[in-house]
Amino acid sequence: DRLPFHPYFVFKDLVTVFLFLLVLAATVFY
């Protein structure tokens, strides 16, 4: 009954990584 690592935790971590990269890119370019 445990939640599997993929796709739940992978997706949660990827959202955080992409949000960080978006803020980083906005800071670097603008």
Full PDB file with SEQRES, HELIX, SHEET, SSBOND, CRYST1, ORIGX, SCALE, CONECT and MASTER records, all heavy atoms in Angstrom:
SEQRES   1 A   30  ASP ARG LEU PRO PHE HIS PRO TYR PHE VAL PHE LYS ASP          
SEQRES   2 A   30  LEU VAL THR VAL PHE LEU PHE LEU LEU VAL LEU ALA ALA          
SEQRES   3 A   30  THR VAL PHE TYR                                              
HELIX    1 AA1 PHE A    5  PHE A    9  3                                   5    
HELIX    2 AA2 VAL A   10  PHE A   29  1                                  20    
CRYST1    1.000    1.000    1.000  90.00  90.00  90.00 P 1           1          
ORIGX1      1.000000  0.000000  0.000000        0.00000                         
ORIGX2      0.000000  1.000000  0.000000        0.00000                         
ORIGX3      0.000000  0.000000  1.000000        0.00000                         
SCALE1      1.000000  0.000000  0.000000        0.00000                         
SCALE2      0.000000  1.000000  0.000000        0.00000                         
SCALE3      0.000000  0.000000  1.000000        0.00000                         
ATOM      1  N   ASP A   1       0.799  -1.225   0.000  1.00  0.00           N  
ATOM      2  CA  ASP A   1       0.000   0.000   0.000  1.00  0.00           C  
ATOM      3  C   ASP A   1       0.832   1.277   0.000  1.00  0.00           C  
ATOM      4  O   ASP A   1       0.286   2.359   0.083  1.00  0.00           O  
ATOM      5  CB  ASP A   1      -0.915   0.019   1.237  1.00  0.00           C  
ATOM      6  CG  ASP A   1      -1.963  -1.057   1.168  1.00  0.00           C  
ATOM      7  OD1 ASP A   1      -2.358  -1.408   0.037  1.00  0.00           O  
ATOM      8  OD2 ASP A   1      -2.371  -1.546   2.228  1.00  0.00           O  
ATOM      9  N   ARG A   2       2.143   1.163  -0.084  1.00  0.00           N  
ATOM     10  CA  ARG A   2       2.994   2.350  -0.111  1.00  0.00           C  
ATOM     11  C   ARG A   2       2.944   3.006  -1.482  1.00  0.00           C  
ATOM     12  O   ARG A   2       2.700   2.354  -2.494  1.00  0.00           O  
ATOM     13  CB  ARG A   2       4.436   1.995   0.216  1.00  0.00           C  
ATOM     14  CG  ARG A   2       4.632   1.650   1.658  1.00  0.00           C  
ATOM     15  CD  ARG A   2       6.092   1.531   1.957  1.00  0.00           C  
ATOM     16  NE  ARG A   2       6.287   1.315   3.380  1.00  0.00           N  
ATOM     17  CZ  ARG A   2       7.449   1.343   3.961  1.00  0.00           C  
ATOM     18  NH1 ARG A   2       8.524   1.576   3.246  1.00  0.00           N  
ATOM     19  NH2 ARG A   2       7.556   1.145   5.239  1.00  0.00           N  
ATOM     20  N   LEU A   3       3.219   4.312  -1.494  1.00  0.00           N  
ATOM     21  CA  LEU A   3       3.277   5.030  -2.768  1.00  0.00           C  
ATOM     22  C   LEU A   3       4.583   4.717  -3.467  1.00  0.00           C  
ATOM     23  O   LEU A   3       5.641   4.742  -2.852  1.00  0.00           O  
ATOM     24  CB  LEU A   3       3.182   6.539  -2.519  1.00  0.00           C  
ATOM     25  CG  LEU A   3       1.863   7.060  -1.972  1.00  0.00           C  
ATOM     26  CD1 LEU A   3       1.978   8.532  -1.671  1.00  0.00           C  
ATOM     27  CD2 LEU A   3       0.762   6.822  -2.978  1.00  0.00           C  
ATOM     28  N   PRO A   4       4.550   4.434  -4.774  1.00  0.00           N  
ATOM     29  CA  PRO A   4       5.796   4.156  -5.488  1.00  0.00           C  
ATOM     30  C   PRO A   4       6.609   5.431  -5.699  1.00  0.00           C  
ATOM     31  O   PRO A   4       6.074   6.531  -5.755  1.00  0.00           O  
ATOM     32  CB  PRO A   4       5.326   3.568  -6.817  1.00  0.00           C  
ATOM     33  CG  PRO A   4       3.942   4.066  -6.988  1.00  0.00           C  
ATOM     34  CD  PRO A   4       3.374   4.244  -5.611  1.00  0.00           C  
ATOM     35  N   PHE A   5       7.921   5.243  -5.835  1.00  0.00           N  
ATOM     36  CA  PHE A   5       8.817   6.384  -6.037  1.00  0.00           C  
ATOM     37  C   PHE A   5       8.534   7.058  -7.371  1.00  0.00           C  
ATOM     38  O   PHE A   5       8.477   8.281  -7.462  1.00  0.00           O  
ATOM     39  CB  PHE A   5      10.271   5.888  -5.981  1.00  0.00           C  
ATOM     40  CG  PHE A   5      11.276   6.980  -6.127  1.00  0.00           C  
ATOM     41  CD1 PHE A   5      11.578   7.801  -5.062  1.00  0.00           C  
ATOM     42  CD2 PHE A   5      11.927   7.185  -7.324  1.00  0.00           C  
ATOM     43  CE1 PHE A   5      12.502   8.815  -5.179  1.00  0.00           C  
ATOM     44  CE2 PHE A   5      12.854   8.194  -7.460  1.00  0.00           C  
ATOM     45  CZ  PHE A   5      13.149   9.011  -6.382  1.00  0.00           C  
ATOM     46  N   HIS A   6       8.373   6.239  -8.415  1.00  0.00           N  
ATOM     47  CA  HIS A   6       8.076   6.783  -9.737  1.00  0.00           C  
ATOM     48  C   HIS A   6       6.632   6.446 -10.065  1.00  0.00           C  
ATOM     49  O   HIS A   6       6.222   5.313  -9.894  1.00  0.00           O  
ATOM     50  CB  HIS A   6       9.019   6.165 -10.777  1.00  0.00           C  
ATOM     51  CG  HIS A   6       8.812   6.685 -12.152  1.00  0.00           C  
ATOM     52  ND1 HIS A   6       9.235   7.934 -12.522  1.00  0.00           N  
ATOM     53  CD2 HIS A   6       8.219   6.149 -13.231  1.00  0.00           C  
ATOM     54  CE1 HIS A   6       8.912   8.136 -13.793  1.00  0.00           C  
ATOM     55  NE2 HIS A   6       8.300   7.057 -14.238  1.00  0.00           N  
ATOM     56  N   PRO A   7       5.821   7.361 -10.442  1.00  0.00           N  
ATOM     57  CA  PRO A   7       6.036   8.724 -10.916  1.00  0.00           C  
ATOM     58  C   PRO A   7       5.781   9.796  -9.860  1.00  0.00           C  
ATOM     59  O   PRO A   7       6.066  10.961 -10.116  1.00  0.00           O  
ATOM     60  CB  PRO A   7       5.014   8.853 -12.028  1.00  0.00           C  
ATOM     61  CG  PRO A   7       3.854   8.042 -11.541  1.00  0.00           C  
ATOM     62  CD  PRO A   7       4.472   6.888 -10.792  1.00  0.00           C  
ATOM     63  N   TYR A   8       5.288   9.428  -8.664  1.00  0.00           N  
ATOM     64  CA  TYR A   8       4.816  10.440  -7.717  1.00  0.00           C  
ATOM     65  C   TYR A   8       5.947  11.329  -7.191  1.00  0.00           C  
ATOM     66  O   TYR A   8       5.906  12.547  -7.308  1.00  0.00           O  
ATOM     67  CB  TYR A   8       4.075   9.775  -6.550  1.00  0.00           C  
ATOM     68  CG  TYR A   8       2.868   8.995  -7.003  1.00  0.00           C  
ATOM     69  CD1 TYR A   8       2.844   7.614  -6.929  1.00  0.00           C  
ATOM     70  CD2 TYR A   8       1.765   9.651  -7.529  1.00  0.00           C  
ATOM     71  CE1 TYR A   8       1.748   6.899  -7.355  1.00  0.00           C  
ATOM     72  CE2 TYR A   8       0.660   8.952  -7.954  1.00  0.00           C  
ATOM     73  CZ  TYR A   8       0.656   7.574  -7.875  1.00  0.00           C  
ATOM     74  OH  TYR A   8      -0.423   6.866  -8.302  1.00  0.00           O  
ATOM     75  N   PHE A   9       6.964  10.728  -6.602  1.00  0.00           N  
ATOM     76  CA  PHE A   9       8.034  11.522  -6.011  1.00  0.00           C  
ATOM     77  C   PHE A   9       8.933  12.131  -7.086  1.00  0.00           C  
ATOM     78  O   PHE A   9       9.476  13.213  -6.902  1.00  0.00           O  
ATOM     79  CB  PHE A   9       8.846  10.673  -5.029  1.00  0.00           C  
ATOM     80  CG  PHE A   9       8.063  10.302  -3.804  1.00  0.00           C  
ATOM     81  CD1 PHE A   9       7.521   9.038  -3.664  1.00  0.00           C  
ATOM     82  CD2 PHE A   9       7.856  11.233  -2.805  1.00  0.00           C  
ATOM     83  CE1 PHE A   9       6.793   8.697  -2.554  1.00  0.00           C  
ATOM     84  CE2 PHE A   9       7.122  10.906  -1.685  1.00  0.00           C  
ATOM     85  CZ  PHE A   9       6.587   9.638  -1.551  1.00  0.00           C  
ATOM     86  N   VAL A  10       9.116  11.435  -8.200  1.00  0.00           N  
ATOM     87  CA  VAL A  10       9.913  11.985  -9.300  1.00  0.00           C  
ATOM     88  C   VAL A  10       9.242  13.239  -9.843  1.00  0.00           C  
ATOM     89  O   VAL A  10       9.898  14.268 -10.062  1.00  0.00           O  
ATOM     90  CB  VAL A  10      10.106  10.933 -10.414  1.00  0.00           C  
ATOM     91  CG1 VAL A  10      10.749  11.546 -11.639  1.00  0.00           C  
ATOM     92  CG2 VAL A  10      10.945   9.780  -9.908  1.00  0.00           C  
ATOM     93  N   PHE A  11       7.949  13.189 -10.055  1.00  0.00           N  
ATOM     94  CA  PHE A  11       7.237  14.359 -10.575  1.00  0.00           C  
ATOM     95  C   PHE A  11       7.290  15.522  -9.582  1.00  0.00           C  
ATOM     96  O   PHE A  11       7.512  16.667  -9.959  1.00  0.00           O  
ATOM     97  CB  PHE A  11       5.780  13.999 -10.884  1.00  0.00           C  
ATOM     98  CG  PHE A  11       4.996  15.159 -11.429  1.00  0.00           C  
ATOM     99  CD1 PHE A  11       5.201  15.596 -12.723  1.00  0.00           C  
ATOM    100  CD2 PHE A  11       4.077  15.810 -10.633  1.00  0.00           C  
ATOM    101  CE1 PHE A  11       4.492  16.671 -13.223  1.00  0.00           C  
ATOM    102  CE2 PHE A  11       3.358  16.889 -11.121  1.00  0.00           C  
ATOM    103  CZ  PHE A  11       3.569  17.322 -12.425  1.00  0.00           C  
ATOM    104  N   LYS A  12       7.108  15.223  -8.305  1.00  0.00           N  
ATOM    105  CA  LYS A  12       7.170  16.269  -7.284  1.00  0.00           C  
ATOM    106  C   LYS A  12       8.540  16.936  -7.277  1.00  0.00           C  
ATOM    107  O   LYS A  12       8.650  18.168  -7.224  1.00  0.00           O  
ATOM    108  CB  LYS A  12       6.878  15.673  -5.913  1.00  0.00           C  
ATOM    109  CG  LYS A  12       6.978  16.665  -4.764  1.00  0.00           C  
ATOM    110  CD  LYS A  12       6.755  15.997  -3.429  1.00  0.00           C  
ATOM    111  CE  LYS A  12       7.912  15.143  -3.017  1.00  0.00           C  
ATOM    112  NZ  LYS A  12       9.070  15.862  -2.538  1.00  0.00           N  
ATOM    113  N   ASP A  13       9.604  16.158  -7.376  1.00  0.00           N  
ATOM    114  CA  ASP A  13      10.949  16.720  -7.386  1.00  0.00           C  
ATOM    115  C   ASP A  13      11.229  17.478  -8.674  1.00  0.00           C  
ATOM    116  O   ASP A  13      11.901  18.513  -8.659  1.00  0.00           O  
ATOM    117  CB  ASP A  13      11.978  15.618  -7.183  1.00  0.00           C  
ATOM    118  CG  ASP A  13      11.922  15.039  -5.779  1.00  0.00           C  
ATOM    119  OD1 ASP A  13      11.348  15.704  -4.899  1.00  0.00           O  
ATOM    120  OD2 ASP A  13      12.438  13.929  -5.571  1.00  0.00           O  
ATOM    121  N   LEU A  14      10.738  16.983  -9.797  1.00  0.00           N  
ATOM    122  CA  LEU A  14      10.967  17.672 -11.070  1.00  0.00           C  
ATOM    123  C   LEU A  14      10.254  19.022 -11.117  1.00  0.00           C  
ATOM    124  O   LEU A  14      10.765  19.976 -11.711  1.00  0.00           O  
ATOM    125  CB  LEU A  14      10.532  16.802 -12.241  1.00  0.00           C  
ATOM    126  CG  LEU A  14      11.489  15.674 -12.614  1.00  0.00           C  
ATOM    127  CD1 LEU A  14      10.911  14.860 -13.767  1.00  0.00           C  
ATOM    128  CD2 LEU A  14      12.848  16.217 -12.979  1.00  0.00           C  
ATOM    129  N   VAL A  15       9.095  19.121 -10.507  1.00  0.00           N  
ATOM    130  CA  VAL A  15       8.407  20.417 -10.448  1.00  0.00           C  
ATOM    131  C   VAL A  15       9.262  21.423  -9.695  1.00  0.00           C  
ATOM    132  O   VAL A  15       9.438  22.570 -10.123  1.00  0.00           O  
ATOM    133  CB  VAL A  15       7.016  20.260  -9.780  1.00  0.00           C  
ATOM    134  CG1 VAL A  15       6.430  21.611  -9.412  1.00  0.00           C  
ATOM    135  CG2 VAL A  15       6.077  19.510 -10.703  1.00  0.00           C  
ATOM    136  N   THR A  16       9.845  21.006  -8.589  1.00  0.00           N  
ATOM    137  CA  THR A  16      10.709  21.893  -7.818  1.00  0.00           C  
ATOM    138  C   THR A  16      11.955  22.279  -8.605  1.00  0.00           C  
ATOM    139  O   THR A  16      12.357  23.448  -8.622  1.00  0.00           O  
ATOM    140  CB  THR A  16      11.115  21.214  -6.501  1.00  0.00           C  
ATOM    141  OG1 THR A  16       9.937  20.804  -5.808  1.00  0.00           O  
ATOM    142  CG2 THR A  16      11.921  22.142  -5.633  1.00  0.00           C  
ATOM    143  N   VAL A  17      12.569  21.333  -9.291  1.00  0.00           N  
ATOM    144  CA  VAL A  17      13.772  21.620 -10.080  1.00  0.00           C  
ATOM    145  C   VAL A  17      13.447  22.587 -11.206  1.00  0.00           C  
ATOM    146  O   VAL A  17      14.181  23.557 -11.443  1.00  0.00           O  
ATOM    147  CB  VAL A  17      14.383  20.306 -10.617  1.00  0.00           C  
ATOM    148  CG1 VAL A  17      15.433  20.578 -11.679  1.00  0.00           C  
ATOM    149  CG2 VAL A  17      14.980  19.506  -9.482  1.00  0.00           C  
ATOM    150  N   PHE A  18      12.362  22.355 -11.923  1.00  0.00           N  
ATOM    151  CA  PHE A  18      12.014  23.245 -13.030  1.00  0.00           C  
ATOM    152  C   PHE A  18      11.618  24.636 -12.546  1.00  0.00           C  
ATOM    153  O   PHE A  18      11.920  25.633 -13.200  1.00  0.00           O  
ATOM    154  CB  PHE A  18      10.899  22.645 -13.881  1.00  0.00           C  
ATOM    155  CG  PHE A  18      11.369  21.519 -14.753  1.00  0.00           C  
ATOM    156  CD1 PHE A  18      10.617  20.365 -14.866  1.00  0.00           C  
ATOM    157  CD2 PHE A  18      12.557  21.600 -15.461  1.00  0.00           C  
ATOM    158  CE1 PHE A  18      11.044  19.326 -15.666  1.00  0.00           C  
ATOM    159  CE2 PHE A  18      12.998  20.574 -16.265  1.00  0.00           C  
ATOM    160  CZ  PHE A  18      12.236  19.423 -16.357  1.00  0.00           C  
ATOM    161  N   LEU A  19      10.965  24.723 -11.401  1.00  0.00           N  
ATOM    162  CA  LEU A  19      10.647  26.037 -10.839  1.00  0.00           C  
ATOM    163  C   LEU A  19      11.924  26.791 -10.463  1.00  0.00           C  
ATOM    164  O   LEU A  19      12.061  27.984 -10.750  1.00  0.00           O  
ATOM    165  CB  LEU A  19       9.742  25.877  -9.614  1.00  0.00           C  
ATOM    166  CG  LEU A  19       9.262  27.167  -8.977  1.00  0.00           C  
ATOM    167  CD1 LEU A  19       8.367  27.939  -9.944  1.00  0.00           C  
ATOM    168  CD2 LEU A  19       8.523  26.876  -7.697  1.00  0.00           C  
ATOM    169  N   PHE A  20      12.886  26.089  -9.869  1.00  0.00           N  
ATOM    170  CA  PHE A  20      14.167  26.715  -9.546  1.00  0.00           C  
ATOM    171  C   PHE A  20      14.887  27.166 -10.808  1.00  0.00           C  
ATOM    172  O   PHE A  20      15.434  28.277 -10.858  1.00  0.00           O  
ATOM    173  CB  PHE A  20      15.048  25.736  -8.757  1.00  0.00           C  
ATOM    174  CG  PHE A  20      16.465  26.219  -8.614  1.00  0.00           C  
ATOM    175  CD1 PHE A  20      16.778  27.219  -7.713  1.00  0.00           C  
ATOM    176  CD2 PHE A  20      17.474  25.678  -9.385  1.00  0.00           C  
ATOM    177  CE1 PHE A  20      18.080  27.674  -7.583  1.00  0.00           C  
ATOM    178  CE2 PHE A  20      18.770  26.126  -9.273  1.00  0.00           C  
ATOM    179  CZ  PHE A  20      19.075  27.130  -8.367  1.00  0.00           C  
ATOM    180  N   LEU A  21      14.908  26.315 -11.844  1.00  0.00           N  
ATOM    181  CA  LEU A  21      15.579  26.689 -13.096  1.00  0.00           C  
ATOM    182  C   LEU A  21      14.883  27.865 -13.773  1.00  0.00           C  
ATOM    183  O   LEU A  21      15.552  28.704 -14.395  1.00  0.00           O  
ATOM    184  CB  LEU A  21      15.640  25.485 -14.040  1.00  0.00           C  
ATOM    185  CG  LEU A  21      16.598  24.371 -13.615  1.00  0.00           C  
ATOM    186  CD1 LEU A  21      16.500  23.204 -14.582  1.00  0.00           C  
ATOM    187  CD2 LEU A  21      18.014  24.881 -13.513  1.00  0.00           C  
ATOM    188  N   LEU A  22      13.571  27.966 -13.656  1.00  0.00           N  
ATOM    189  CA  LEU A  22      12.848  29.101 -14.217  1.00  0.00           C  
ATOM    190  C   LEU A  22      13.223  30.401 -13.519  1.00  0.00           C  
ATOM    191  O   LEU A  22      13.499  31.412 -14.174  1.00  0.00           O  
ATOM    192  CB  LEU A  22      11.340  28.854 -14.117  1.00  0.00           C  
ATOM    193  CG  LEU A  22      10.436  29.946 -14.683  1.00  0.00           C  
ATOM    194  CD1 LEU A  22      10.580  29.988 -16.196  1.00  0.00           C  
ATOM    195  CD2 LEU A  22       9.010  29.711 -14.280  1.00  0.00           C  
ATOM    196  N   VAL A  23      13.272  30.375 -12.186  1.00  0.00           N  
ATOM    197  CA  VAL A  23      13.675  31.567 -11.427  1.00  0.00           C  
ATOM    198  C   VAL A  23      15.126  31.915 -11.719  1.00  0.00           C  
ATOM    199  O   VAL A  23      15.475  33.090 -11.902  1.00  0.00           O  
ATOM    200  CB  VAL A  23      13.437  31.349  -9.920  1.00  0.00           C  
ATOM    201  CG1 VAL A  23      14.061  32.459  -9.087  1.00  0.00           C  
ATOM    202  CG2 VAL A  23      11.955  31.231  -9.631  1.00  0.00           C  
ATOM    203  N   LEU A  24      15.995  30.919 -11.801  1.00  0.00           N  
ATOM    204  CA  LEU A  24      17.403  31.159 -12.118  1.00  0.00           C  
ATOM    205  C   LEU A  24      17.565  31.764 -13.505  1.00  0.00           C  
ATOM    206  O   LEU A  24      18.309  32.740 -13.692  1.00  0.00           O  
ATOM    207  CB  LEU A  24      18.193  29.859 -12.017  1.00  0.00           C  
ATOM    208  CG  LEU A  24      19.676  29.949 -12.358  1.00  0.00           C  
ATOM    209  CD1 LEU A  24      20.413  30.798 -11.325  1.00  0.00           C  
ATOM    210  CD2 LEU A  24      20.286  28.574 -12.457  1.00  0.00           C  
ATOM    211  N   ALA A  25      16.858  31.221 -14.505  1.00  0.00           N  
ATOM    212  CA  ALA A  25      16.949  31.752 -15.865  1.00  0.00           C  
ATOM    213  C   ALA A  25      16.408  33.175 -15.939  1.00  0.00           C  
ATOM    214  O   ALA A  25      16.988  34.036 -16.616  1.00  0.00           O  
ATOM    215  CB  ALA A  25      16.188  30.842 -16.836  1.00  0.00           C  
ATOM    216  N   ALA A  26      15.308  33.454 -15.251  1.00  0.00           N  
ATOM    217  CA  ALA A  26      14.771  34.813 -15.251  1.00  0.00           C  
ATOM    218  C   ALA A  26      15.758  35.787 -14.623  1.00  0.00           C  
ATOM    219  O   ALA A  26      15.949  36.905 -15.116  1.00  0.00           O  
ATOM    220  CB  ALA A  26      13.438  34.843 -14.500  1.00  0.00           C  
ATOM    221  N   THR A  27      16.418  35.375 -13.552  1.00  0.00           N  
ATOM    222  CA  THR A  27      17.409  36.243 -12.916  1.00  0.00           C  
ATOM    223  C   THR A  27      18.611  36.453 -13.814  1.00  0.00           C  
ATOM    224  O   THR A  27      19.101  37.571 -13.964  1.00  0.00           O  
ATOM    225  CB  THR A  27      17.854  35.638 -11.571  1.00  0.00           C  
ATOM    226  OG1 THR A  27      16.706  35.424 -10.756  1.00  0.00           O  
ATOM    227  CG2 THR A  27      18.821  36.555 -10.859  1.00  0.00           C  
ATOM    228  N   VAL A  28      19.101  35.398 -14.428  1.00  0.00           N  
ATOM    229  CA  VAL A  28      20.303  35.501 -15.270  1.00  0.00           C  
ATOM    230  C   VAL A  28      20.036  36.334 -16.518  1.00  0.00           C  
ATOM    231  O   VAL A  28      20.853  37.181 -16.897  1.00  0.00           O  
ATOM    232  CB  VAL A  28      20.808  34.091 -15.643  1.00  0.00           C  
ATOM    233  CG1 VAL A  28      21.838  34.150 -16.755  1.00  0.00           C  
ATOM    234  CG2 VAL A  28      21.389  33.402 -14.432  1.00  0.00           C  
ATOM    235  N   PHE A  29      18.899  36.143 -17.159  1.00  0.00           N  
ATOM    236  CA  PHE A  29      18.657  36.799 -18.443  1.00  0.00           C  
ATOM    237  C   PHE A  29      18.016  38.181 -18.329  1.00  0.00           C  
ATOM    238  O   PHE A  29      18.239  39.034 -19.177  1.00  0.00           O  
ATOM    239  CB  PHE A  29      17.787  35.908 -19.334  1.00  0.00           C  
ATOM    240  CG  PHE A  29      18.500  34.655 -19.754  1.00  0.00           C  
ATOM    241  CD1 PHE A  29      17.961  33.422 -19.463  1.00  0.00           C  
ATOM    242  CD2 PHE A  29      19.714  34.710 -20.426  1.00  0.00           C  
ATOM    243  CE1 PHE A  29      18.599  32.264 -19.843  1.00  0.00           C  
ATOM    244  CE2 PHE A  29      20.359  33.556 -20.803  1.00  0.00           C  
ATOM    245  CZ  PHE A  29      19.811  32.324 -20.512  1.00  0.00           C  
ATOM    246  N   TYR A  30      17.214  38.422 -17.288  1.00  0.00           N  
ATOM    247  CA  TYR A  30      16.501  39.691 -17.202  1.00  0.00           C  
ATOM    248  C   TYR A  30      17.046  40.632 -16.133  1.00  0.00           C  
ATOM    249  O   TYR A  30      16.814  41.836 -16.208  1.00  0.00           O  
ATOM    250  CB  TYR A  30      15.009  39.454 -16.957  1.00  0.00           C  
ATOM    251  CG  TYR A  30      14.348  38.779 -18.134  1.00  0.00           C  
ATOM    252  CD1 TYR A  30      13.859  37.484 -18.027  1.00  0.00           C  
ATOM    253  CD2 TYR A  30      14.229  39.433 -19.343  1.00  0.00           C  
ATOM    254  CE1 TYR A  30      13.254  36.859 -19.092  1.00  0.00           C  
ATOM    255  CE2 TYR A  30      13.627  38.813 -20.428  1.00  0.00           C  
ATOM    256  CZ  TYR A  30      13.155  37.529 -20.291  1.00  0.00           C  
ATOM    257  OH  TYR A  30      12.563  36.919 -21.361  1.00  0.00           O  
TER     258      TYR A  30                                                      
MASTER        0    0    0    2    0    0    0    6  257    1    0    3          
END                                                                             
